[in-house]
Amino acid sequence: MLKIIAKDFSRSPFGRSKVDSKHNGTKFRELFLKGWIEESIKDGKKLTLDFNGLDIPMTSSFMEESFGGLIRFGHFKKETVLEVLDFKSKDETYVEEILFYINDAKYDPDAEMYEM
């Protein structure tokens, strides 16, 4: 399954919460990314996220909240996320940074979620 972030979510993803932007990492994770991953797992297919065509560079806070948050809030195990996700980007630093946040994340049952 291919999802183009600029088309399927926003051309300007930014920040962790609604205080930062209406196109924030919490909203992306909870309303889009989780469902896409669940669908990919159910179908037994990879989820390819295309980060090309954005109007602004993705911020580290957006990427950490979106991808690290998958693990922190217990939505998926790290291994599952790494197995199902694939990336398409002209900027390889996005991929490197996202993989870092996924690998660095730890489940935290006391984590508080930001507002979308």
N, C-alpha and C. Protein backbone atom coordinates (compact mmCIF):
# COMPACT_ATOMS: atom_id res chain seq x y z
N MET A 1 0.85 -1.16 0.00
CA MET A 1 0.00 0.00 0.00
C MET A 1 0.90 1.24 0.00
N LEU A 2 0.61 2.17 -0.86
CA LEU A 2 1.36 3.43 -0.96
C LEU A 2 0.51 4.57 -0.44
N LYS A 3 1.08 5.36 0.45
CA LYS A 3 0.42 6.57 0.95
C LYS A 3 1.38 7.73 0.73
N ILE A 4 0.89 8.74 0.04
CA ILE A 4 1.67 9.94 -0.25
C ILE A 4 1.27 10.98 0.78
N ILE A 5 2.19 11.30 1.67
CA ILE A 5 1.88 12.18 2.79
C ILE A 5 1.30 13.51 2.32
N ALA A 6 1.89 14.10 1.29
CA ALA A 6 1.42 15.40 0.79
C ALA A 6 -0.01 15.32 0.26
N LYS A 7 -0.43 14.18 -0.22
CA LYS A 7 -1.78 14.01 -0.77
C LYS A 7 -2.74 13.41 0.26
N ASP A 8 -2.29 12.41 0.98
CA ASP A 8 -3.16 11.65 1.87
C ASP A 8 -3.25 12.22 3.29
N PHE A 9 -2.37 13.17 3.64
CA PHE A 9 -2.44 13.82 4.95
C PHE A 9 -2.33 15.33 4.80
N SER A 10 -1.15 15.83 4.52
CA SER A 10 -0.95 17.28 4.41
C SER A 10 0.37 17.58 3.71
N ARG A 11 0.38 18.70 2.99
CA ARG A 11 1.62 19.15 2.36
C ARG A 11 2.52 19.85 3.37
N SER A 12 1.97 20.13 4.57
CA SER A 12 2.76 20.85 5.57
C SER A 12 2.61 20.20 6.96
N PRO A 13 3.12 18.97 7.13
CA PRO A 13 3.08 18.34 8.45
C PRO A 13 4.06 19.04 9.38
N PHE A 14 3.58 19.32 10.61
CA PHE A 14 4.42 20.13 11.50
C PHE A 14 4.01 19.92 12.95
N GLY A 15 5.00 19.77 13.82
CA GLY A 15 4.80 19.79 15.26
C GLY A 15 4.18 18.54 15.86
N ARG A 16 4.05 18.58 17.19
CA ARG A 16 3.53 17.44 17.95
C ARG A 16 2.01 17.47 18.14
N SER A 17 1.46 18.66 18.39
CA SER A 17 0.07 18.75 18.81
C SER A 17 -0.65 19.89 18.11
N LYS A 18 -1.93 20.04 18.44
CA LYS A 18 -2.73 21.09 17.81
C LYS A 18 -2.24 22.49 18.16
N VAL A 19 -1.50 22.62 19.25
CA VAL A 19 -0.90 23.91 19.60
C VAL A 19 0.12 24.32 18.54
N ASP A 20 0.79 23.33 17.95
CA ASP A 20 1.82 23.59 16.94
C ASP A 20 1.23 23.79 15.54
N SER A 21 0.24 22.96 15.20
CA SER A 21 -0.28 22.96 13.83
C SER A 21 -1.51 22.07 13.76
N LYS A 22 -2.39 22.36 12.81
CA LYS A 22 -3.54 21.47 12.62
C LYS A 22 -3.12 20.19 11.90
N HIS A 23 -1.91 20.15 11.36
CA HIS A 23 -1.38 18.97 10.67
C HIS A 23 -0.21 18.40 11.49
N ASN A 24 -0.50 18.05 12.74
CA ASN A 24 0.54 17.66 13.70
C ASN A 24 0.75 16.15 13.78
N GLY A 25 1.81 15.77 14.47
CA GLY A 25 2.20 14.37 14.59
C GLY A 25 1.20 13.51 15.33
N THR A 26 0.57 14.05 16.37
CA THR A 26 -0.43 13.28 17.11
C THR A 26 -1.61 12.95 16.20
N LYS A 27 -2.09 13.93 15.49
CA LYS A 27 -3.21 13.73 14.57
C LYS A 27 -2.85 12.72 13.47
N PHE A 28 -1.66 12.88 12.90
CA PHE A 28 -1.22 11.97 11.85
C PHE A 28 -1.17 10.54 12.37
N ARG A 29 -0.57 10.35 13.54
CA ARG A 29 -0.44 9.00 14.11
C ARG A 29 -1.80 8.39 14.41
N GLU A 30 -2.62 9.13 15.13
CA GLU A 30 -3.88 8.58 15.63
C GLU A 30 -4.96 8.42 14.56
N LEU A 31 -5.04 9.34 13.61
CA LEU A 31 -6.12 9.30 12.63
C LEU A 31 -5.72 8.72 11.27
N PHE A 32 -4.43 8.58 11.02
CA PHE A 32 -3.99 8.10 9.71
C PHE A 32 -3.04 6.91 9.83
N LEU A 33 -1.87 7.13 10.41
CA LEU A 33 -0.80 6.14 10.41
C LEU A 33 -1.20 4.82 11.07
N LYS A 34 -1.84 4.88 12.23
CA LYS A 34 -2.26 3.65 12.92
C LYS A 34 -3.16 2.80 12.02
N GLY A 35 -4.13 3.42 11.41
CA GLY A 35 -5.06 2.70 10.55
C GLY A 35 -4.38 2.12 9.32
N TRP A 36 -3.46 2.89 8.73
CA TRP A 36 -2.73 2.40 7.57
C TRP A 36 -1.90 1.18 7.93
N ILE A 37 -1.26 1.22 9.09
CA ILE A 37 -0.44 0.09 9.53
C ILE A 37 -1.32 -1.12 9.81
N GLU A 38 -2.43 -0.90 10.50
CA GLU A 38 -3.36 -2.01 10.78
C GLU A 38 -3.83 -2.66 9.48
N GLU A 39 -4.17 -1.84 8.49
CA GLU A 39 -4.63 -2.35 7.20
C GLU A 39 -3.52 -3.14 6.50
N SER A 40 -2.31 -2.63 6.55
CA SER A 40 -1.17 -3.32 5.93
C SER A 40 -0.92 -4.67 6.59
N ILE A 41 -0.98 -4.70 7.90
CA ILE A 41 -0.79 -5.96 8.63
C ILE A 41 -1.88 -6.95 8.24
N LYS A 42 -3.11 -6.49 8.22
CA LYS A 42 -4.25 -7.36 7.87
C LYS A 42 -4.10 -7.93 6.46
N ASP A 43 -3.64 -7.08 5.54
CA ASP A 43 -3.48 -7.50 4.14
C ASP A 43 -2.15 -8.22 3.88
N GLY A 44 -1.25 -8.22 4.86
CA GLY A 44 0.04 -8.85 4.70
C GLY A 44 0.93 -8.14 3.69
N LYS A 45 0.78 -6.81 3.61
CA LYS A 45 1.55 -6.01 2.65
C LYS A 45 2.32 -4.92 3.36
N LYS A 46 3.37 -4.46 2.70
CA LYS A 46 4.16 -3.34 3.20
C LYS A 46 3.35 -2.05 3.05
N LEU A 47 3.62 -1.11 3.93
CA LEU A 47 3.08 0.24 3.84
C LEU A 47 4.23 1.14 3.43
N THR A 48 4.15 1.70 2.24
CA THR A 48 5.18 2.63 1.76
C THR A 48 4.67 4.05 1.97
N LEU A 49 5.44 4.82 2.72
CA LEU A 49 5.12 6.23 2.96
C LEU A 49 6.02 7.08 2.08
N ASP A 50 5.40 7.90 1.24
CA ASP A 50 6.12 8.77 0.32
C ASP A 50 6.14 10.18 0.90
N PHE A 51 7.33 10.68 1.19
CA PHE A 51 7.49 12.00 1.80
C PHE A 51 7.86 13.08 0.79
N ASN A 52 7.79 12.78 -0.47
CA ASN A 52 8.12 13.78 -1.50
C ASN A 52 6.93 14.71 -1.71
N GLY A 53 7.21 15.94 -2.16
CA GLY A 53 6.16 16.89 -2.49
C GLY A 53 5.64 17.72 -1.34
N LEU A 54 6.33 17.71 -0.20
CA LEU A 54 5.89 18.53 0.93
C LEU A 54 6.26 19.99 0.69
N ASP A 55 5.43 20.89 1.22
CA ASP A 55 5.71 22.33 1.09
C ASP A 55 6.75 22.82 2.08
N ILE A 56 6.85 22.13 3.20
CA ILE A 56 7.84 22.50 4.23
C ILE A 56 8.58 21.23 4.65
N PRO A 57 9.79 21.37 5.17
CA PRO A 57 10.49 20.17 5.67
C PRO A 57 9.75 19.61 6.89
N MET A 58 9.73 18.29 7.01
CA MET A 58 9.15 17.68 8.20
C MET A 58 10.04 17.99 9.40
N THR A 59 9.40 18.31 10.50
CA THR A 59 10.16 18.63 11.71
C THR A 59 10.42 17.36 12.52
N SER A 60 11.46 17.41 13.32
CA SER A 60 11.78 16.26 14.16
C SER A 60 10.66 15.99 15.16
N SER A 61 10.01 17.04 15.65
CA SER A 61 8.91 16.83 16.60
C SER A 61 7.75 16.09 15.94
N PHE A 62 7.46 16.41 14.69
CA PHE A 62 6.40 15.69 13.96
C PHE A 62 6.79 14.23 13.79
N MET A 63 8.01 13.97 13.36
CA MET A 63 8.44 12.59 13.11
C MET A 63 8.50 11.77 14.39
N GLU A 64 9.03 12.37 15.47
CA GLU A 64 9.13 11.62 16.73
C GLU A 64 7.75 11.31 17.27
N GLU A 65 6.86 12.28 17.25
CA GLU A 65 5.52 12.06 17.78
C GLU A 65 4.76 11.04 16.95
N SER A 66 4.88 11.14 15.64
CA SER A 66 4.17 10.21 14.75
C SER A 66 4.68 8.79 14.89
N PHE A 67 5.98 8.60 14.77
CA PHE A 67 6.55 7.26 14.68
C PHE A 67 7.00 6.71 16.03
N GLY A 68 7.68 7.51 16.84
CA GLY A 68 8.03 7.08 18.18
C GLY A 68 6.79 6.85 19.02
N GLY A 69 5.77 7.66 18.79
CA GLY A 69 4.52 7.54 19.53
C GLY A 69 3.80 6.22 19.30
N LEU A 70 4.01 5.62 18.14
CA LEU A 70 3.41 4.30 17.89
C LEU A 70 3.85 3.29 18.94
N ILE A 71 5.11 3.38 19.34
CA ILE A 71 5.68 2.47 20.32
C ILE A 71 5.36 2.96 21.74
N ARG A 72 5.58 4.25 21.99
CA ARG A 72 5.40 4.83 23.32
C ARG A 72 3.99 4.57 23.87
N PHE A 73 2.98 4.67 23.01
CA PHE A 73 1.60 4.49 23.45
C PHE A 73 1.13 3.04 23.32
N GLY A 74 2.01 2.15 22.90
CA GLY A 74 1.67 0.73 22.85
C GLY A 74 0.78 0.31 21.71
N HIS A 75 0.74 1.11 20.66
CA HIS A 75 -0.09 0.76 19.50
C HIS A 75 0.47 -0.47 18.77
N PHE A 76 1.78 -0.53 18.66
CA PHE A 76 2.45 -1.63 17.97
C PHE A 76 3.79 -1.89 18.63
N LYS A 77 4.30 -3.09 18.42
CA LYS A 77 5.67 -3.39 18.84
C LYS A 77 6.62 -2.83 17.79
N LYS A 78 7.78 -2.46 18.26
CA LYS A 78 8.82 -1.90 17.41
C LYS A 78 9.09 -2.77 16.19
N GLU A 79 9.23 -4.07 16.39
CA GLU A 79 9.54 -5.01 15.31
C GLU A 79 8.46 -5.02 14.24
N THR A 80 7.21 -4.91 14.67
CA THR A 80 6.09 -4.89 13.73
C THR A 80 6.14 -3.65 12.86
N VAL A 81 6.38 -2.51 13.47
CA VAL A 81 6.46 -1.25 12.73
C VAL A 81 7.60 -1.29 11.73
N LEU A 82 8.76 -1.76 12.17
CA LEU A 82 9.93 -1.83 11.28
C LEU A 82 9.70 -2.81 10.14
N GLU A 83 8.96 -3.86 10.41
CA GLU A 83 8.70 -4.87 9.37
C GLU A 83 7.71 -4.38 8.32
N VAL A 84 6.71 -3.63 8.73
CA VAL A 84 5.65 -3.24 7.80
C VAL A 84 5.96 -1.96 7.03
N LEU A 85 6.75 -1.05 7.60
CA LEU A 85 6.98 0.24 6.97
C LEU A 85 8.10 0.21 5.94
N ASP A 86 7.87 0.97 4.88
CA ASP A 86 8.88 1.24 3.86
C ASP A 86 8.74 2.72 3.53
N PHE A 87 9.79 3.32 3.01
CA PHE A 87 9.79 4.77 2.81
C PHE A 87 10.27 5.14 1.42
N LYS A 88 9.73 6.26 0.95
CA LYS A 88 10.15 6.82 -0.33
C LYS A 88 10.38 8.31 -0.07
N SER A 89 11.63 8.75 -0.27
CA SER A 89 11.95 10.14 -0.01
C SER A 89 13.24 10.53 -0.72
N LYS A 90 13.21 11.72 -1.30
CA LYS A 90 14.43 12.27 -1.90
C LYS A 90 15.40 12.68 -0.79
N ASP A 91 14.87 12.96 0.39
CA ASP A 91 15.67 13.37 1.53
C ASP A 91 15.85 12.17 2.45
N GLU A 92 16.99 11.49 2.35
CA GLU A 92 17.26 10.28 3.14
C GLU A 92 17.33 10.56 4.64
N THR A 93 17.53 11.82 5.02
CA THR A 93 17.60 12.11 6.46
C THR A 93 16.25 11.86 7.12
N TYR A 94 15.14 12.03 6.39
CA TYR A 94 13.82 11.70 6.95
C TYR A 94 13.79 10.23 7.37
N VAL A 95 14.19 9.37 6.47
CA VAL A 95 14.16 7.93 6.73
C VAL A 95 15.06 7.59 7.91
N GLU A 96 16.27 8.11 7.92
CA GLU A 96 17.21 7.85 9.00
C GLU A 96 16.65 8.31 10.34
N GLU A 97 16.06 9.50 10.34
CA GLU A 97 15.53 10.06 11.59
C GLU A 97 14.32 9.27 12.07
N ILE A 98 13.43 8.90 11.18
CA ILE A 98 12.25 8.11 11.55
C ILE A 98 12.68 6.76 12.12
N LEU A 99 13.62 6.11 11.48
CA LEU A 99 14.10 4.81 11.98
C LEU A 99 14.75 4.97 13.35
N PHE A 100 15.45 6.06 13.56
CA PHE A 100 16.03 6.33 14.87
C PHE A 100 14.94 6.45 15.92
N TYR A 101 13.89 7.24 15.64
CA TYR A 101 12.81 7.44 16.62
C TYR A 101 12.07 6.14 16.93
N ILE A 102 11.86 5.32 15.93
CA ILE A 102 11.20 4.03 16.16
C ILE A 102 12.08 3.16 17.05
N ASN A 103 13.36 3.04 16.70
CA ASN A 103 14.27 2.19 17.45
C ASN A 103 14.53 2.70 18.87
N ASP A 104 14.48 4.00 19.06
CA ASP A 104 14.75 4.61 20.36
C ASP A 104 13.53 4.59 21.28
N ALA A 105 12.34 4.43 20.72
CA ALA A 105 11.10 4.52 21.50
C ALA A 105 10.95 3.36 22.47
N LYS A 106 10.31 3.66 23.59
CA LYS A 106 10.00 2.66 24.60
C LYS A 106 8.54 2.83 25.02
N TYR A 107 7.87 1.71 25.20
CA TYR A 107 6.49 1.75 25.68
C TYR A 107 6.45 2.41 27.05
N ASP A 108 5.51 3.33 27.24
CA ASP A 108 5.36 4.04 28.50
C ASP A 108 3.88 4.07 28.86
N PRO A 109 3.45 3.21 29.77
CA PRO A 109 2.03 3.16 30.12
C PRO A 109 1.51 4.45 30.75
N ASP A 110 2.42 5.31 31.20
CA ASP A 110 2.02 6.58 31.81
C ASP A 110 2.13 7.77 30.86
N ALA A 111 2.48 7.50 29.61
CA ALA A 111 2.63 8.60 28.63
C ALA A 111 1.29 9.32 28.44
N GLU A 112 1.36 10.63 28.37
CA GLU A 112 0.16 11.44 28.15
C GLU A 112 0.14 11.90 26.69
N MET A 113 -1.00 11.70 26.07
CA MET A 113 -1.13 12.06 24.66
C MET A 113 -1.50 13.52 24.52
N TYR A 114 -0.90 14.17 23.53
CA TYR A 114 -1.23 15.55 23.20
C TYR A 114 -2.58 15.61 22.53
N GLU A 115 -3.17 16.79 22.51
CA GLU A 115 -4.44 16.98 21.80
C GLU A 115 -4.17 17.07 20.30
N MET A 116 -5.09 16.51 19.54
CA MET A 116 -4.95 16.51 18.08
C MET A 116 -5.38 17.83 17.52
